[in-house]
C-alpha atoms as a PDB file:
ATOM      1  CA  UNK A   1     161.337  46.864 -85.421  1.00  0.00           C
ATOM      2  CA  UNK A   2     164.826  46.989 -84.115  1.00  0.00           C
ATOM      3  CA  UNK A   3     168.069  48.019 -85.813  1.00  0.00           C
ATOM      4  CA  UNK A   4     170.945  45.617 -85.459  1.00  0.00           C
ATOM      5  CA  UNK A   5     173.644  46.987 -83.190  1.00  0.00           C
ATOM      6  CA  UNK A   6     177.175  47.162 -84.434  1.00  0.00           C
ATOM      7  CA  UNK A   7     176.601  46.609 -88.112  1.00  0.00           C
ATOM      8  CA  UNK A   8     176.409  48.660 -91.294  1.00  0.00           C
ATOM      9  CA  UNK A   9     176.090  47.026 -94.714  1.00  0.00           C
ATOM     10  CA  UNK A  10     177.174  48.549 -98.022  1.00  0.00           C
ATOM     11  CA  UNK A  11     175.718  46.988-101.178  1.00  0.00           C
ATOM     12  CA  UNK A  12     176.909  47.682-104.656  1.00  0.00           C
ATOM     13  CA  UNK A  13     175.156  46.444-107.827  1.00  0.00           C
ATOM     14  CA  UNK A  14     177.489  46.490-110.834  1.00  0.00           C
ATOM     15  CA  UNK A  15     177.434  45.975-114.597  1.00  0.00           C
ATOM     16  CA  UNK A  16     180.894  45.725-116.105  1.00  0.00           C
ATOM     17  CA  UNK A  17     181.702  47.129-119.506  1.00  0.00           C
ATOM     18  CA  UNK A  18     181.256  44.742-122.430  1.00  0.00           C
ATOM     19  CA  UNK A  19     184.983  44.649-123.221  1.00  0.00           C
ATOM     20  CA  UNK A  20     185.954  43.484-119.718  1.00  0.00           C
ATOM     21  CA  UNK A  21     186.852  39.816-119.881  1.00  0.00           C
ATOM     22  CA  UNK A  22     185.726  37.157-117.429  1.00  0.00           C
ATOM     23  CA  UNK A  23     189.358  36.825-116.281  1.00  0.00           C
ATOM     24  CA  UNK A  24     189.536  40.612-115.614  1.00  0.00           C
ATOM     25  CA  UNK A  25     186.292  40.381-113.641  1.00  0.00           C
ATOM     26  CA  UNK A  26     187.719  37.547-111.538  1.00  0.00           C
ATOM     27  CA  UNK A  27     190.842  39.653-110.859  1.00  0.00           C
ATOM     28  CA  UNK A  28     188.696  42.621-109.860  1.00  0.00           C
ATOM     29  CA  UNK A  29     186.647  40.498-107.469  1.00  0.00           C
ATOM     30  CA  UNK A  30     189.830  39.125-105.861  1.00  0.00           C
ATOM     31  CA  UNK A  31     191.104  42.690-105.546  1.00  0.00           C
ATOM     32  CA  UNK A  32     187.871  43.852-104.004  1.00  0.00           C
ATOM     33  CA  UNK A  33     187.894  40.910-101.561  1.00  0.00           C
ATOM     34  CA  UNK A  34     191.551  41.636-100.610  1.00  0.00           C
ATOM     35  CA  UNK A  35     190.429  44.946 -99.119  1.00  0.00           C
ATOM     36  CA  UNK A  36     189.216  42.971 -96.033  1.00  0.00           C
ATOM     37  CA  UNK A  37     192.911  42.380 -95.220  1.00  0.00           C
ATOM     38  CA  UNK A  38     193.991  45.931 -96.055  1.00  0.00           C
ATOM     39  CA  UNK A  39     191.231  48.066 -94.502  1.00  0.00           C
ATOM     40  CA  UNK A  40     190.828  47.467 -90.784  1.00  0.00           C
ATOM     41  CA  UNK A  41     187.295  48.892 -90.603  1.00  0.00           C
ATOM     42  CA  UNK A  42     186.015  46.418 -93.276  1.00  0.00           C
ATOM     43  CA  UNK A  43     184.821  43.311 -91.428  1.00  0.00           C
ATOM     44  CA  UNK A  44     183.425  41.087 -94.204  1.00  0.00           C
ATOM     45  CA  UNK A  45     183.000  40.904 -97.979  1.00  0.00           C
ATOM     46  CA  UNK A  46     180.721  38.713-100.076  1.00  0.00           C
ATOM     47  CA  UNK A  47     179.764  38.841-103.723  1.00  0.00           C
ATOM     48  CA  UNK A  48     177.594  37.020-106.222  1.00  0.00           C
ATOM     49  CA  UNK A  49     176.247  37.085-109.734  1.00  0.00           C
ATOM     50  CA  UNK A  50     172.681  38.087-110.486  1.00  0.00           C
ATOM     51  CA  UNK A  51     170.689  34.877-110.938  1.00  0.00           C
ATOM     52  CA  UNK A  52     167.331  36.533-111.638  1.00  0.00           C
ATOM     53  CA  UNK A  53     165.504  36.071-114.888  1.00  0.00           C
ATOM     54  CA  UNK A  54     165.298  39.213-116.996  1.00  0.00           C
ATOM     55  CA  UNK A  55     162.151  40.669-115.492  1.00  0.00           C
ATOM     56  CA  UNK A  56     162.689  44.268-116.512  1.00  0.00           C
ATOM     57  CA  UNK A  57     163.765  45.500-113.081  1.00  0.00           C
ATOM     58  CA  UNK A  58     167.361  44.260-112.978  1.00  0.00           C
ATOM     59  CA  UNK A  59     168.704  47.254-114.899  1.00  0.00           C
ATOM     60  CA  UNK A  60     171.379  44.970-116.286  1.00  0.00           C
ATOM     61  CA  UNK A  61     173.413  44.855-113.076  1.00  0.00           C
ATOM     62  CA  UNK A  62     175.068  41.462-113.099  1.00  0.00           C
ATOM     63  CA  UNK A  63     177.147  41.437-109.909  1.00  0.00           C
ATOM     64  CA  UNK A  64     176.463  42.341-106.284  1.00  0.00           C
ATOM     65  CA  UNK A  65     179.042  43.141-103.655  1.00  0.00           C
ATOM     66  CA  UNK A  66     178.227  43.312 -99.939  1.00  0.00           C
ATOM     67  CA  UNK A  67     180.581  44.806 -97.434  1.00  0.00           C
ATOM     68  CA  UNK A  68     180.018  44.830 -93.674  1.00  0.00           C
ATOM     69  CA  UNK A  69     181.259  47.350 -91.181  1.00  0.00           C
ATOM     70  CA  UNK A  70     180.842  47.798 -87.443  1.00  0.00           C
ATOM     71  CA  UNK A  71     179.126  51.188 -87.786  1.00  0.00           C
ATOM     72  CA  UNK A  72     178.946  54.357 -89.853  1.00  0.00           C
ATOM     73  CA  UNK A  73     182.287  55.608 -88.486  1.00  0.00           C
ATOM     74  CA  UNK A  74     183.946  52.439 -89.772  1.00  0.00           C
ATOM     75  CA  UNK A  75     182.313  52.938 -93.152  1.00  0.00           C
ATOM     76  CA  UNK A  76     183.573  56.530 -93.260  1.00  0.00           C
ATOM     77  CA  UNK A  77     187.122  55.258 -92.522  1.00  0.00           C
ATOM     78  CA  UNK A  78     186.772  52.814 -95.469  1.00  0.00           C
ATOM     79  CA  UNK A  79     185.645  55.588 -97.847  1.00  0.00           C
ATOM     80  CA  UNK A  80     188.846  57.580 -97.221  1.00  0.00           C
ATOM     81  CA  UNK A  81     191.229  54.637 -96.861  1.00  0.00           C
ATOM     82  CA  UNK A  82     194.161  54.872 -99.360  1.00  0.00           C
ATOM     83  CA  UNK A  83     193.917  51.204-100.269  1.00  0.00           C
ATOM     84  CA  UNK A  84     190.226  51.566-101.041  1.00  0.00           C
ATOM     85  CA  UNK A  85     190.845  54.674-103.113  1.00  0.00           C
ATOM     86  CA  UNK A  86     193.662  52.980-105.060  1.00  0.00           C
ATOM     87  CA  UNK A  87     191.467  50.007-105.787  1.00  0.00           C
ATOM     88  CA  UNK A  88     188.626  52.305-106.909  1.00  0.00           C
ATOM     89  CA  UNK A  89     190.994  53.766-109.535  1.00  0.00           C
ATOM     90  CA  UNK A  90     191.375  50.258-110.954  1.00  0.00           C
ATOM     91  CA  UNK A  91     187.743  49.134-110.553  1.00  0.00           C
ATOM     92  CA  UNK A  92     185.735  52.170-111.768  1.00  0.00           C
ATOM     93  CA  UNK A  93     187.125  52.341-115.326  1.00  0.00           C
ATOM     94  CA  UNK A  94     185.866  48.746-115.866  1.00  0.00           C
ATOM     95  CA  UNK A  95     182.315  49.520-114.755  1.00  0.00           C
ATOM     96  CA  UNK A  96     179.539  50.482-117.107  1.00  0.00           C
ATOM     97  CA  UNK A  97     177.010  51.321-114.404  1.00  0.00           C
ATOM     98  CA  UNK A  98     176.532  50.749-110.707  1.00  0.00           C
ATOM     99  CA  UNK A  99     174.195  51.461-107.871  1.00  0.00           C
ATOM    100  CA  UNK A 100     175.271  51.628-104.236  1.00  0.00           C
ATOM    101  CA  UNK A 101     173.528  51.925-100.896  1.00  0.00           C
ATOM    102  CA  UNK A 102     174.592  51.648 -97.278  1.00  0.00           C
ATOM    103  CA  UNK A 103     172.148  50.820 -94.518  1.00  0.00           C
ATOM    104  CA  UNK A 104     171.790  49.579 -90.994  1.00  0.00           C
ATOM    105  CA  UNK A 105     169.824  46.278 -91.093  1.00  0.00           C
ATOM    106  CA  UNK A 106     166.512  46.304 -89.248  1.00  0.00           C
ATOM    107  CA  UNK A 107     164.762  43.224 -87.997  1.00  0.00           C
ATOM    108  CA  UNK A 108     160.991  42.985 -87.639  1.00  0.00           C
ATOM    109  CA  UNK A 109     160.167  41.761 -84.179  1.00  0.00           C
ATOM    110  CA  UNK A 110     157.235  39.399 -83.761  1.00  0.00           C
END
């Protein structure tokens, strides 16, 4: 197995509060995506909605956000970036629950 060089991924699974409208969620997603232009260490942002059937393991998280960084130092810069912190103050109050993990992707070599 071999870790990819020059990449760190940060995945967040989110369930928004029931009183957060679809329009508010769209605005939050746009705000999250805009961090790519505001935080130099953030290289890419993708998101999606959970399309799984309710199989008992989803834990009701309905959205996934994936951020890509060059390395752990870049991720640490993101965590303390003022634009990220300001967005977090807007985003967090709308979230009912979330789970986050950062990792370095590893490929299985044949």
